[in-house]
Amino acid sequence: MNIATLLIAWLITAVSFLIISKIPLIGVEVDSLKKSFISAAVLGIVTVLVKPILILIFAIPNLLTLTLFQGIFTFIISVICFGIAAFLVQGFRLRYGIWSAIMGALTLSVVSSLIYSVLPL
């Protein structure tokens, strides 16, 4: 991954954070554009550092449930990373706790995917 790709991913994630913070039912709150960029960076760092550890911890349950739930533990890992990022960044809050983390992680992936599909990258 080169620096341009990394910067584009960071920008898309930050914009996605701003978009999902405007949807009241999700309960993800981001105070400003600056906090959105910080949150996107922290989420990226948490994903790189913590996700491999969580994948190892959840490896057996993930493999056992892969055929039944199509990797529900992989999604749970994403929710945990989302929650950790919210815990670490002041100005990035989950109003409804775990519900906001679940809905935020899901919505972030959908919004980011939509933005990537629109951009000619």
PDB file of N, CA and C in Angstrom:
ATOM      1  N   MET A   1       0.842  -1.171   0.000  1.00  0.00           N
ATOM      2  CA  MET A   1       0.000   0.000   0.000  1.00  0.00           C
ATOM      3  C   MET A   1       0.895   1.244   0.000  1.00  0.00           C
ATOM      4  N   ASN A   2       0.686   2.111  -0.967  1.00  0.00           N
ATOM      5  CA  ASN A   2       1.496   3.334  -1.017  1.00  0.00           C
ATOM      6  C   ASN A   2       0.830   4.457  -0.212  1.00  0.00           C
ATOM      7  N   ILE A   3       1.521   5.549  -0.078  1.00  0.00           N
ATOM      8  CA  ILE A   3       1.060   6.655   0.763  1.00  0.00           C
ATOM      9  C   ILE A   3      -0.213   7.295   0.209  1.00  0.00           C
ATOM     10  N   ALA A   4      -0.353   7.364  -1.105  1.00  0.00           N
ATOM     11  CA  ALA A   4      -1.557   7.959  -1.703  1.00  0.00           C
ATOM     12  C   ALA A   4      -2.788   7.116  -1.374  1.00  0.00           C
ATOM     13  N   THR A   5      -2.658   5.814  -1.465  1.00  0.00           N
ATOM     14  CA  THR A   5      -3.767   4.922  -1.137  1.00  0.00           C
ATOM     15  C   THR A   5      -4.138   5.039   0.332  1.00  0.00           C
ATOM     16  N   LEU A   6      -3.146   5.138   1.190  1.00  0.00           N
ATOM     17  CA  LEU A   6      -3.380   5.292   2.620  1.00  0.00           C
ATOM     18  C   LEU A   6      -4.103   6.604   2.921  1.00  0.00           C
ATOM     19  N   LEU A   7      -3.675   7.689   2.285  1.00  0.00           N
ATOM     20  CA  LEU A   7      -4.321   8.991   2.495  1.00  0.00           C
ATOM     21  C   LEU A   7      -5.761   9.004   1.981  1.00  0.00           C
ATOM     22  N   ILE A   8      -6.000   8.350   0.855  1.00  0.00           N
ATOM     23  CA  ILE A   8      -7.364   8.270   0.316  1.00  0.00           C
ATOM     24  C   ILE A   8      -8.260   7.467   1.258  1.00  0.00           C
ATOM     25  N   ALA A   9      -7.742   6.362   1.777  1.00  0.00           N
ATOM     26  CA  ALA A   9      -8.516   5.547   2.728  1.00  0.00           C
ATOM     27  C   ALA A   9      -8.822   6.343   3.994  1.00  0.00           C
ATOM     28  N   TRP A  10      -7.851   7.111   4.463  1.00  0.00           N
ATOM     29  CA  TRP A  10      -8.036   7.942   5.653  1.00  0.00           C
ATOM     30  C   TRP A  10      -9.113   8.992   5.405  1.00  0.00           C
ATOM     31  N   LEU A  11      -9.053   9.652   4.251  1.00  0.00           N
ATOM     32  CA  LEU A  11     -10.044  10.669   3.890  1.00  0.00           C
ATOM     33  C   LEU A  11     -11.442  10.062   3.785  1.00  0.00           C
ATOM     34  N   ILE A  12     -11.551   8.920   3.138  1.00  0.00           N
ATOM     35  CA  ILE A  12     -12.853   8.275   2.972  1.00  0.00           C
ATOM     36  C   ILE A  12     -13.421   7.853   4.319  1.00  0.00           C
ATOM     37  N   THR A  13     -12.577   7.324   5.186  1.00  0.00           N
ATOM     38  CA  THR A  13     -13.048   6.923   6.517  1.00  0.00           C
ATOM     39  C   THR A  13     -13.479   8.140   7.321  1.00  0.00           C
ATOM     40  N   ALA A  14     -12.732   9.233   7.238  1.00  0.00           N
ATOM     41  CA  ALA A  14     -13.097  10.456   7.967  1.00  0.00           C
ATOM     42  C   ALA A  14     -14.429  11.008   7.465  1.00  0.00           C
ATOM     43  N   VAL A  15     -14.616  11.049   6.158  1.00  0.00           N
ATOM     44  CA  VAL A  15     -15.886  11.524   5.594  1.00  0.00           C
ATOM     45  C   VAL A  15     -17.021  10.588   6.000  1.00  0.00           C
ATOM     46  N   SER A  16     -16.753   9.291   6.016  1.00  0.00           N
ATOM     47  CA  SER A  16     -17.764   8.318   6.441  1.00  0.00           C
ATOM     48  C   SER A  16     -18.158   8.544   7.897  1.00  0.00           C
ATOM     49  N   PHE A  17     -17.174   8.849   8.745  1.00  0.00           N
ATOM     50  CA  PHE A  17     -17.477   9.169  10.143  1.00  0.00           C
ATOM     51  C   PHE A  17     -18.407  10.365  10.226  1.00  0.00           C
ATOM     52  N   LEU A  18     -18.142  11.399   9.444  1.00  0.00           N
ATOM     53  CA  LEU A  18     -19.006  12.585   9.463  1.00  0.00           C
ATOM     54  C   LEU A  18     -20.418  12.245   9.018  1.00  0.00           C
ATOM     55  N   ILE A  19     -20.527  11.418   7.996  1.00  0.00           N
ATOM     56  CA  ILE A  19     -21.851  11.041   7.484  1.00  0.00           C
ATOM     57  C   ILE A  19     -22.625  10.253   8.530  1.00  0.00           C
ATOM     58  N   ILE A  20     -21.995   9.239   9.127  1.00  0.00           N
ATOM     59  CA  ILE A  20     -22.750   8.421  10.089  1.00  0.00           C
ATOM     60  C   ILE A  20     -23.046   9.174  11.379  1.00  0.00           C
ATOM     61  N   SER A  21     -22.255  10.201  11.672  1.00  0.00           N
ATOM     62  CA  SER A  21     -22.547  10.984  12.883  1.00  0.00           C
ATOM     63  C   SER A  21     -23.803  11.834  12.709  1.00  0.00           C
ATOM     64  N   LYS A  22     -24.248  12.011  11.475  1.00  0.00           N
ATOM     65  CA  LYS A  22     -25.454  12.803  11.202  1.00  0.00           C
ATOM     66  C   LYS A  22     -26.724  11.950  11.240  1.00  0.00           C
ATOM     67  N   ILE A  23     -26.579  10.630  11.392  1.00  0.00           N
ATOM     68  CA  ILE A  23     -27.735   9.735  11.445  1.00  0.00           C
ATOM     69  C   ILE A  23     -28.053   9.491  12.926  1.00  0.00           C
ATOM     70  N   PRO A  24     -29.144  10.056  13.443  1.00  0.00           N
ATOM     71  CA  PRO A  24     -29.382  10.035  14.883  1.00  0.00           C
ATOM     72  C   PRO A  24     -29.610   8.649  15.484  1.00  0.00           C
ATOM     73  N   LEU A  25     -30.219   7.727  14.781  1.00  0.00           N
ATOM     74  CA  LEU A  25     -30.531   6.417  15.350  1.00  0.00           C
ATOM     75  C   LEU A  25     -29.295   5.583  15.644  1.00  0.00           C
ATOM     76  N   ILE A  26     -28.203   5.873  14.975  1.00  0.00           N
ATOM     77  CA  ILE A  26     -26.989   5.078  15.161  1.00  0.00           C
ATOM     78  C   ILE A  26     -26.314   5.428  16.475  1.00  0.00           C
ATOM     79  N   GLY A  27     -26.301   6.679  16.840  1.00  0.00           N
ATOM     80  CA  GLY A  27     -25.739   7.095  18.114  1.00  0.00           C
ATOM     81  C   GLY A  27     -24.237   7.298  18.106  1.00  0.00           C
ATOM     82  N   VAL A  28     -23.663   7.469  16.924  1.00  0.00           N
ATOM     83  CA  VAL A  28     -22.240   7.785  16.818  1.00  0.00           C
ATOM     84  C   VAL A  28     -22.125   9.299  16.731  1.00  0.00           C
ATOM     85  N   GLU A  29     -21.344   9.874  17.644  1.00  0.00           N
ATOM     86  CA  GLU A  29     -21.198  11.331  17.684  1.00  0.00           C
ATOM     87  C   GLU A  29     -19.736  11.696  17.465  1.00  0.00           C
ATOM     88  N   VAL A  30     -19.502  12.585  16.510  1.00  0.00           N
ATOM     89  CA  VAL A  30     -18.163  13.114  16.242  1.00  0.00           C
ATOM     90  C   VAL A  30     -18.290  14.632  16.302  1.00  0.00           C
ATOM     91  N   ASP A  31     -17.471  15.262  17.149  1.00  0.00           N
ATOM     92  CA  ASP A  31     -17.616  16.688  17.419  1.00  0.00           C
ATOM     93  C   ASP A  31     -17.286  17.602  16.243  1.00  0.00           C
ATOM     94  N   SER A  32     -16.290  17.249  15.433  1.00  0.00           N
ATOM     95  CA  SER A  32     -15.849  18.169  14.387  1.00  0.00           C
ATOM     96  C   SER A  32     -15.144  17.400  13.273  1.00  0.00           C
ATOM     97  N   LEU A  33     -14.804  18.137  12.229  1.00  0.00           N
ATOM     98  CA  LEU A  33     -14.050  17.550  11.128  1.00  0.00           C
ATOM     99  C   LEU A  33     -12.690  17.059  11.618  1.00  0.00           C
ATOM    100  N   LYS A  34     -12.064  17.850  12.468  1.00  0.00           N
ATOM    101  CA  LYS A  34     -10.765  17.461  13.022  1.00  0.00           C
ATOM    102  C   LYS A  34     -10.877  16.154  13.805  1.00  0.00           C
ATOM    103  N   LYS A  35     -11.908  16.035  14.637  1.00  0.00           N
ATOM    104  CA  LYS A  35     -12.122  14.805  15.416  1.00  0.00           C
ATOM    105  C   LYS A  35     -12.431  13.623  14.499  1.00  0.00           C
ATOM    106  N   SER A  36     -13.079  13.902  13.380  1.00  0.00           N
ATOM    107  CA  SER A  36     -13.359  12.844  12.410  1.00  0.00           C
ATOM    108  C   SER A  36     -12.070  12.278  11.819  1.00  0.00           C
ATOM    109  N   PHE A  37     -11.142  13.159  11.474  1.00  0.00           N
ATOM    110  CA  PHE A  37      -9.851  12.702  10.943  1.00  0.00           C
ATOM    111  C   PHE A  37      -9.036  11.963  12.004  1.00  0.00           C
ATOM    112  N   ILE A  38      -9.083  12.470  13.238  1.00  0.00           N
ATOM    113  CA  ILE A  38      -8.371  11.795  14.326  1.00  0.00           C
ATOM    114  C   ILE A  38      -8.992  10.417  14.576  1.00  0.00           C
ATOM    115  N   SER A  39     -10.320  10.351  14.581  1.00  0.00           N
ATOM    116  CA  SER A  39     -11.014   9.078  14.794  1.00  0.00           C
ATOM    117  C   SER A  39     -10.691   8.076  13.702  1.00  0.00           C
ATOM    118  N   ALA A  40     -10.632   8.542  12.459  1.00  0.00           N
ATOM    119  CA  ALA A  40     -10.304   7.662  11.346  1.00  0.00           C
ATOM    120  C   ALA A  40      -8.879   7.122  11.484  1.00  0.00           C
ATOM    121  N   ALA A  41      -7.961   7.985  11.892  1.00  0.00           N
ATOM    122  CA  ALA A  41      -6.578   7.556  12.073  1.00  0.00           C
ATOM    123  C   ALA A  41      -6.461   6.552  13.219  1.00  0.00           C
ATOM    124  N   VAL A  42      -7.126   6.847  14.331  1.00  0.00           N
ATOM    125  CA  VAL A  42      -7.067   5.936  15.487  1.00  0.00           C
ATOM    126  C   VAL A  42      -7.722   4.599  15.145  1.00  0.00           C
ATOM    127  N   LEU A  43      -8.844   4.629  14.442  1.00  0.00           N
ATOM    128  CA  LEU A  43      -9.482   3.376  14.035  1.00  0.00           C
ATOM    129  C   LEU A  43      -8.544   2.558  13.150  1.00  0.00           C
ATOM    130  N   GLY A  44      -7.844   3.228  12.239  1.00  0.00           N
ATOM    131  CA  GLY A  44      -6.879   2.517  11.396  1.00  0.00           C
ATOM    132  C   GLY A  44      -5.749   1.903  12.190  1.00  0.00           C
ATOM    133  N   ILE A  45      -5.229   2.656  13.146  1.00  0.00           N
ATOM    134  CA  ILE A  45      -4.139   2.149  13.985  1.00  0.00           C
ATOM    135  C   ILE A  45      -4.622   0.987  14.863  1.00  0.00           C
ATOM    136  N   VAL A  46      -5.804   1.146  15.465  1.00  0.00           N
ATOM    137  CA  VAL A  46      -6.359   0.074  16.295  1.00  0.00           C
ATOM    138  C   VAL A  46      -6.591  -1.178  15.454  1.00  0.00           C
ATOM    139  N   THR A  47      -7.095  -0.995  14.253  1.00  0.00           N
ATOM    140  CA  THR A  47      -7.342  -2.134  13.376  1.00  0.00           C
ATOM    141  C   THR A  47      -6.047  -2.859  13.040  1.00  0.00           C
ATOM    142  N   VAL A  48      -4.995  -2.103  12.782  1.00  0.00           N
ATOM    143  CA  VAL A  48      -3.708  -2.728  12.441  1.00  0.00           C
ATOM    144  C   VAL A  48      -3.075  -3.409  13.650  1.00  0.00           C
ATOM    145  N   LEU A  49      -3.178  -2.792  14.824  1.00  0.00           N
ATOM    146  CA  LEU A  49      -2.501  -3.328  16.002  1.00  0.00           C
ATOM    147  C   LEU A  49      -3.318  -4.360  16.771  1.00  0.00           C
ATOM    148  N   VAL A  50      -4.614  -4.129  16.932  1.00  0.00           N
ATOM    149  CA  VAL A  50      -5.434  -4.970  17.801  1.00  0.00           C
ATOM    150  C   VAL A  50      -6.137  -6.093  17.043  1.00  0.00           C
ATOM    151  N   LYS A  51      -6.561  -5.837  15.825  1.00  0.00           N
ATOM    152  CA  LYS A  51      -7.332  -6.830  15.080  1.00  0.00           C
ATOM    153  C   LYS A  51      -6.605  -8.168  14.930  1.00  0.00           C
ATOM    154  N   PRO A  52      -5.301  -8.196  14.616  1.00  0.00           N
ATOM    155  CA  PRO A  52      -4.635  -9.508  14.516  1.00  0.00           C
ATOM    156  C   PRO A  52      -4.660 -10.299  15.829  1.00  0.00           C
ATOM    157  N   ILE A  53      -4.550  -9.590  16.949  1.00  0.00           N
ATOM    158  CA  ILE A  53      -4.605 -10.263  18.249  1.00  0.00           C
ATOM    159  C   ILE A  53      -6.000 -10.842  18.486  1.00  0.00           C
ATOM    160  N   LEU A  54      -7.026 -10.045  18.171  1.00  0.00           N
ATOM    161  CA  LEU A  54      -8.395 -10.518  18.342  1.00  0.00           C
ATOM    162  C   LEU A  54      -8.720 -11.659  17.389  1.00  0.00           C
ATOM    163  N   ILE A  55      -8.164 -11.626  16.194  1.00  0.00           N
ATOM    164  CA  ILE A  55      -8.383 -12.720  15.250  1.00  0.00           C
ATOM    165  C   ILE A  55      -7.818 -14.015  15.824  1.00  0.00           C
ATOM    166  N   LEU A  56      -6.655 -13.942  16.440  1.00  0.00           N
ATOM    167  CA  LEU A  56      -6.082 -15.133  17.072  1.00  0.00           C
ATOM    168  C   LEU A  56      -6.947 -15.610  18.240  1.00  0.00           C
ATOM    169  N   ILE A  57      -7.417 -14.682  19.053  1.00  0.00           N
ATOM    170  CA  ILE A  57      -8.253 -15.049  20.198  1.00  0.00           C
ATOM    171  C   ILE A  57      -9.552 -15.716  19.737  1.00  0.00           C
ATOM    172  N   PHE A  58     -10.161 -15.182  18.682  1.00  0.00           N
ATOM    173  CA  PHE A  58     -11.437 -15.699  18.191  1.00  0.00           C
ATOM    174  C   PHE A  58     -11.281 -16.700  17.042  1.00  0.00           C
ATOM    175  N   ALA A  59     -10.092 -17.216  16.803  1.00  0.00           N
ATOM    176  CA  ALA A  59      -9.855 -18.088  15.646  1.00  0.00           C
ATOM    177  C   ALA A  59     -10.735 -19.331  15.668  1.00  0.00           C
ATOM    178  N   ILE A  60     -10.762 -20.042  16.771  1.00  0.00           N
ATOM    179  CA  ILE A  60     -11.526 -21.293  16.829  1.00  0.00           C
ATOM    180  C   ILE A  60     -13.027 -21.034  16.723  1.00  0.00           C
ATOM    181  N   PRO A  61     -13.597 -20.091  17.524  1.00  0.00           N
ATOM    182  CA  PRO A  61     -15.032 -19.837  17.339  1.00  0.00           C
ATOM    183  C   PRO A  61     -15.359 -19.327  15.930  1.00  0.00           C
ATOM    184  N   ASN A  62     -14.473 -18.543  15.350  1.00  0.00           N
ATOM    185  CA  ASN A  62     -14.709 -18.028  14.007  1.00  0.00           C
ATOM    186  C   ASN A  62     -14.745 -19.165  12.992  1.00  0.00           C
ATOM    187  N   LEU A  63     -13.813 -20.099  13.094  1.00  0.00           N
ATOM    188  CA  LEU A  63     -13.798 -21.242  12.178  1.00  0.00           C
ATOM    189  C   LEU A  63     -15.007 -22.142  12.390  1.00  0.00           C
ATOM    190  N   LEU A  64     -15.415 -22.329  13.631  1.00  0.00           N
ATOM    191  CA  LEU A  64     -16.564 -23.186  13.917  1.00  0.00           C
ATOM    192  C   LEU A  64     -17.874 -22.590  13.416  1.00  0.00           C
ATOM    193  N   THR A  65     -17.978 -21.269  13.419  1.00  0.00           N
ATOM    194  CA  THR A  65     -19.228 -20.626  13.006  1.00  0.00           C
ATOM    195  C   THR A  65     -19.185 -20.109  11.572  1.00  0.00           C
ATOM    196  N   LEU A  66     -18.090 -20.335  10.875  1.00  0.00           N
ATOM    197  CA  LEU A  66     -17.947 -19.774   9.528  1.00  0.00           C
ATOM    198  C   LEU A  66     -19.062 -20.235   8.602  1.00  0.00           C
ATOM    199  N   THR A  67     -19.410 -21.508   8.652  1.00  0.00           N
ATOM    200  CA  THR A  67     -20.451 -21.991   7.745  1.00  0.00           C
ATOM    201  C   THR A  67     -21.845 -21.583   8.208  1.00  0.00           C
ATOM    202  N   LEU A  68     -22.054 -21.458   9.525  1.00  0.00           N
ATOM    203  CA  LEU A  68     -23.382 -21.100  10.014  1.00  0.00           C
ATOM    204  C   LEU A  68     -23.661 -19.606   9.941  1.00  0.00           C
ATOM    205  N   PHE A  69     -22.696 -18.810  10.340  1.00  0.00           N
ATOM    206  CA  PHE A  69     -22.927 -17.378  10.464  1.00  0.00           C
ATOM    207  C   PHE A  69     -22.053 -16.536   9.549  1.00  0.00           C
ATOM    208  N   GLN A  70     -21.331 -17.153   8.650  1.00  0.00           N
ATOM    209  CA  GLN A  70     -20.474 -16.454   7.703  1.00  0.00           C
ATOM    210  C   GLN A  70     -19.514 -15.490   8.395  1.00  0.00           C
ATOM    211  N   GLY A  71     -18.861 -15.965   9.428  1.00  0.00           N
ATOM    212  CA  GLY A  71     -17.819 -15.181  10.076  1.00  0.00           C
ATOM    213  C   GLY A  71     -18.325 -14.079  10.972  1.00  0.00           C
ATOM    214  N   ILE A  72     -19.320 -14.375  11.798  1.00  0.00           N
ATOM    215  CA  ILE A  72     -19.870 -13.364  12.699  1.00  0.00           C
ATOM    216  C   ILE A  72     -18.800 -12.822  13.639  1.00  0.00           C
ATOM    217  N   PHE A  73     -17.822 -13.660  14.002  1.00  0.00           N
ATOM    218  CA  PHE A  73     -16.778 -13.194  14.904  1.00  0.00           C
ATOM    219  C   PHE A  73     -15.864 -12.167  14.237  1.00  0.00           C
ATOM    220  N   THR A  74     -15.722 -12.228  12.931  1.00  0.00           N
ATOM    221  CA  THR A  74     -14.951 -11.206  12.225  1.00  0.00           C
ATOM    222  C   THR A  74     -15.644  -9.854  12.358  1.00  0.00           C
ATOM    223  N   PHE A  75     -16.966  -9.851  12.257  1.00  0.00           N
ATOM    224  CA  PHE A  75     -17.715  -8.611  12.459  1.00  0.00           C
ATOM    225  C   PHE A  75     -17.611  -8.148  13.910  1.00  0.00           C
ATOM    226  N   ILE A  76     -17.671  -9.086  14.851  1.00  0.00           N
ATOM    227  CA  ILE A  76     -17.543  -8.733  16.268  1.00  0.00           C
ATOM    228  C   ILE A  76     -16.186  -8.085  16.523  1.00  0.00           C
ATOM    229  N   ILE A  77     -15.154  -8.563  15.871  1.00  0.00           N
ATOM    230  CA  ILE A  77     -13.824  -7.970  16.001  1.00  0.00           C
ATOM    231  C   ILE A  77     -13.835  -6.525  15.496  1.00  0.00           C
ATOM    232  N   SER A  78     -14.516  -6.282  14.389  1.00  0.00           N
ATOM    233  CA  SER A  78     -14.628  -4.915  13.866  1.00  0.00           C
ATOM    234  C   SER A  78     -15.377  -4.011  14.846  1.00  0.00           C
ATOM    235  N   VAL A  79     -16.411  -4.537  15.475  1.00  0.00           N
ATOM    236  CA  VAL A  79     -17.173  -3.771  16.466  1.00  0.00           C
ATOM    237  C   VAL A  79     -16.287  -3.432  17.664  1.00  0.00           C
ATOM    238  N   ILE A  80     -15.484  -4.391  18.110  1.00  0.00           N
ATOM    239  CA  ILE A  80     -14.576  -4.153  19.228  1.00  0.00           C
ATOM    240  C   ILE A  80     -13.567  -3.062  18.874  1.00  0.00           C
ATOM    241  N   CYS A  81     -12.996  -3.124  17.671  1.00  0.00           N
ATOM    242  CA  CYS A  81     -12.046  -2.096  17.232  1.00  0.00           C
ATOM    243  C   CYS A  81     -12.717  -0.726  17.167  1.00  0.00           C
ATOM    244  N   PHE A  82     -13.944  -0.681  16.690  1.00  0.00           N
ATOM    245  CA  PHE A  82     -14.710   0.570  16.628  1.00  0.00           C
ATOM    246  C   PHE A  82     -14.906   1.131  18.031  1.00  0.00           C
ATOM    247  N   GLY A  83     -15.265   0.267  18.975  1.00  0.00           N
ATOM    248  CA  GLY A  83     -15.464   0.692  20.359  1.00  0.00           C
ATOM    249  C   GLY A  83     -14.184   1.178  21.017  1.00  0.00           C
ATOM    250  N   ILE A  84     -13.072   0.496  20.741  1.00  0.00           N
ATOM    251  CA  ILE A  84     -11.782   0.916  21.288  1.00  0.00           C
ATOM    252  C   ILE A  84     -11.410   2.299  20.761  1.00  0.00           C
ATOM    253  N   ALA A  85     -11.628   2.517  19.470  1.00  0.00           N
ATOM    254  CA  ALA A  85     -11.322   3.829  18.881  1.00  0.00           C
ATOM    255  C   ALA A  85     -12.165   4.921  19.535  1.00  0.00           C
ATOM    256  N   ALA A  86     -13.441   4.636  19.778  1.00  0.00           N
ATOM    257  CA  ALA A  86     -14.314   5.623  20.434  1.00  0.00           C
ATOM    258  C   ALA A  86     -13.846   5.893  21.864  1.00  0.00           C
ATOM    259  N   PHE A  87     -13.346   4.874  22.526  1.00  0.00           N
ATOM    260  CA  PHE A  87     -12.844   5.040  23.882  1.00  0.00           C
ATOM    261  C   PHE A  87     -11.590   5.913  23.905  1.00  0.00           C
ATOM    262  N   LEU A  88     -10.756   5.778  22.894  1.00  0.00           N
ATOM    263  CA  LEU A  88      -9.477   6.475  22.866  1.00  0.00           C
ATOM    264  C   LEU A  88      -9.559   7.930  22.411  1.00  0.00           C
ATOM    265  N   VAL A  89     -10.548   8.261  21.600  1.00  0.00           N
ATOM    266  CA  VAL A  89     -10.628   9.608  21.022  1.00  0.00           C
ATOM    267  C   VAL A  89     -11.669  10.438  21.764  1.00  0.00           C
ATOM    268  N   GLN A  90     -11.213  11.516  22.354  1.00  0.00           N
ATOM    269  CA  GLN A  90     -12.132  12.448  23.004  1.00  0.00           C
ATOM    270  C   GLN A  90     -12.828  13.239  21.897  1.00  0.00           C
ATOM    271  N   GLY A  91     -14.145  13.265  21.932  1.00  0.00           N
ATOM    272  CA  GLY A  91     -14.912  13.925  20.879  1.00  0.00           C
ATOM    273  C   GLY A  91     -15.513  12.931  19.899  1.00  0.00           C
ATOM    274  N   PHE A  92     -15.293  11.642  20.135  1.00  0.00           N
ATOM    275  CA  PHE A  92     -15.898  10.560  19.351  1.00  0.00           C
ATOM    276  C   PHE A  92     -16.590   9.662  20.374  1.00  0.00           C
ATOM    277  N   ARG A  93     -17.927   9.716  20.377  1.00  0.00           N
ATOM    278  CA  ARG A  93     -18.695   9.024  21.400  1.00  0.00           C
ATOM    279  C   ARG A  93     -19.696   8.048  20.793  1.00  0.00           C
ATOM    280  N   LEU A  94     -20.002   7.034  21.587  1.00  0.00           N
ATOM    281  CA  LEU A  94     -21.047   6.074  21.243  1.00  0.00           C
ATOM    282  C   LEU A  94     -22.187   6.280  22.234  1.00  0.00           C
ATOM    283  N   ARG A  95     -23.215   6.981  21.793  1.00  0.00           N
ATOM    284  CA  ARG A  95     -24.308   7.384  22.680  1.00  0.00           C
ATOM    285  C   ARG A  95     -25.026   6.183  23.296  1.00  0.00           C
ATOM    286  N   TYR A  96     -25.234   5.136  22.525  1.00  0.00           N
ATOM    287  CA  TYR A  96     -26.000   3.984  23.000  1.00  0.00           C
ATOM    288  C   TYR A  96     -25.114   2.771  23.300  1.00  0.00           C
ATOM    289  N   GLY A  97     -23.854   3.006  23.596  1.00  0.00           N
ATOM    290  CA  GLY A  97     -22.946   1.929  23.984  1.00  0.00           C
ATOM    291  C   GLY A  97     -22.695   0.912  22.884  1.00  0.00           C
ATOM    292  N   ILE A  98     -22.846  -0.362  23.229  1.00  0.00           N
ATOM    293  CA  ILE A  98     -22.541  -1.438  22.286  1.00  0.00           C
ATOM    294  C   ILE A  98     -23.436  -1.375  21.050  1.00  0.00           C
ATOM    295  N   TRP A  99     -24.684  -0.945  21.220  1.00  0.00           N
ATOM    296  CA  TRP A  99     -25.594  -0.801  20.076  1.00  0.00           C
ATOM    297  C   TRP A  99     -25.013   0.190  19.059  1.00  0.00           C
ATOM    298  N   SER A 100     -24.502   1.307  19.543  1.00  0.00           N
ATOM    299  CA  SER A 100     -23.889   2.297  18.648  1.00  0.00           C
ATOM    300  C   SER A 100     -22.632   1.743  17.999  1.00  0.00           C
ATOM    301  N   ALA A 101     -21.867   0.938  18.730  1.00  0.00           N
ATOM    302  CA  ALA A 101     -20.669   0.333  18.148  1.00  0.00           C
ATOM    303  C   ALA A 101     -21.045  -0.636  17.028  1.00  0.00           C
ATOM    304  N   ILE A 102     -22.070  -1.433  17.258  1.00  0.00           N
ATOM    305  CA  ILE A 102     -22.522  -2.388  16.233  1.00  0.00           C
ATOM    306  C   ILE A 102     -23.030  -1.640  15.010  1.00  0.00           C
ATOM    307  N   MET A 103     -23.952  -0.699  15.240  1.00  0.00           N
ATOM    308  CA  MET A 103     -24.529   0.047  14.115  1.00  0.00           C
ATOM    309  C   MET A 103     -23.471   0.930  13.438  1.00  0.00           C
ATOM    310  N   GLY A 104     -22.562   1.498  14.231  1.00  0.00           N
ATOM    311  CA  GLY A 104     -21.518   2.344  13.664  1.00  0.00           C
ATOM    312  C   GLY A 104     -20.563   1.565  12.785  1.00  0.00           C
ATOM    313  N   ALA A 105     -20.130   0.395  13.239  1.00  0.00           N
ATOM    314  CA  ALA A 105     -19.215  -0.427  12.443  1.00  0.00           C
ATOM    315  C   ALA A 105     -19.885  -0.881  11.149  1.00  0.00           C
ATOM    316  N   LEU A 106     -21.140  -1.288  11.261  1.00  0.00           N
ATOM    317  CA  LEU A 106     -21.877  -1.722  10.074  1.00  0.00           C
ATOM    318  C   LEU A 106     -22.087  -0.567   9.101  1.00  0.00           C
ATOM    319  N   THR A 107     -22.538   0.561   9.614  1.00  0.00           N
ATOM    320  CA  THR A 107     -22.802   1.718   8.760  1.00  0.00           C
ATOM    321  C   THR A 107     -21.513   2.277   8.168  1.00  0.00           C
ATOM    322  N   LEU A 108     -20.435   2.281   8.948  1.00  0.00           N
ATOM    323  CA  LEU A 108     -19.151   2.760   8.435  1.00  0.00           C
ATOM    324  C   LEU A 108     -18.698   1.913   7.249  1.00  0.00           C
ATOM    325  N   SER A 109     -18.859   0.611   7.341  1.00  0.00           N
ATOM    326  CA  SER A 109     -18.443  -0.238   6.222  1.00  0.00           C
ATOM    327  C   SER A 109     -19.323  -0.013   4.994  1.00  0.00           C
ATOM    328  N   VAL A 110     -20.623   0.182   5.211  1.00  0.00           N
ATOM    329  CA  VAL A 110     -21.533   0.415   4.076  1.00  0.00           C
ATOM    330  C   VAL A 110     -21.247   1.764   3.423  1.00  0.00           C
ATOM    331  N   VAL A 111     -21.138   2.817   4.229  1.00  0.00           N
ATOM    332  CA  VAL A 111     -20.907   4.163   3.684  1.00  0.00           C
ATOM    333  C   VAL A 111     -19.544   4.221   2.983  1.00  0.00           C
ATOM    334  N   SER A 112     -18.518   3.652   3.599  1.00  0.00           N
ATOM    335  CA  SER A 112     -17.195   3.637   2.960  1.00  0.00           C
ATOM    336  C   SER A 112     -17.230   2.889   1.642  1.00  0.00           C
ATOM    337  N   SER A 113     -17.929   1.756   1.614  1.00  0.00           N
ATOM    338  CA  SER A 113     -18.038   0.983   0.371  1.00  0.00           C
ATOM    339  C   SER A 113     -18.751   1.782  -0.711  1.00  0.00           C
ATOM    340  N   LEU A 114     -19.807   2.495  -0.328  1.00  0.00           N
ATOM    341  CA  LEU A 114     -20.524   3.324  -1.303  1.00  0.00           C
ATOM    342  C   LEU A 114     -19.628   4.439  -1.846  1.00  0.00           C
ATOM    343  N   ILE A 115     -18.852   5.070  -0.979  1.00  0.00           N
ATOM    344  CA  ILE A 115     -17.964   6.128  -1.435  1.00  0.00           C
ATOM    345  C   ILE A 115     -16.893   5.567  -2.361  1.00  0.00           C
ATOM    346  N   TYR A 116     -16.319   4.424  -1.992  1.00  0.00           N
ATOM    347  CA  TYR A 116     -15.318   3.786  -2.865  1.00  0.00           C
ATOM    348  C   TYR A 116     -15.910   3.414  -4.215  1.00  0.00           C
ATOM    349  N   SER A 117     -17.173   2.971  -4.231  1.00  0.00           N
ATOM    350  CA  SER A 117     -17.775   2.576  -5.500  1.00  0.00           C
ATOM    351  C   SER A 117     -18.052   3.766  -6.410  1.00  0.00           C
ATOM    352  N   VAL A 118     -18.260   4.953  -5.838  1.00  0.00           N
ATOM    353  CA  VAL A 118     -18.526   6.155  -6.623  1.00  0.00           C
ATOM    354  C   VAL A 118     -17.234   6.768  -7.168  1.00  0.00           C
ATOM    355  N   LEU A 119     -16.164   6.700  -6.364  1.00  0.00           N
ATOM    356  CA  LEU A 119     -14.910   7.296  -6.785  1.00  0.00           C
ATOM    357  C   LEU A 119     -14.206   6.443  -7.837  1.00  0.00           C
ATOM    358  N   PRO A 120     -13.657   7.076  -8.847  1.00  0.00           N
ATOM    359  CA  PRO A 120     -12.928   6.323  -9.886  1.00  0.00           C
ATOM    360  C   PRO A 120     -11.463   6.086  -9.457  1.00  0.00           C
ATOM    361  N   LEU A 121     -11.257   5.134  -8.551  1.00  0.00           N
ATOM    362  CA  LEU A 121      -9.909   4.862  -8.049  1.00  0.00           C
ATOM    363  C   LEU A 121      -9.297   3.675  -8.763  1.00  0.00           C
TER     364      LEU A 121
END
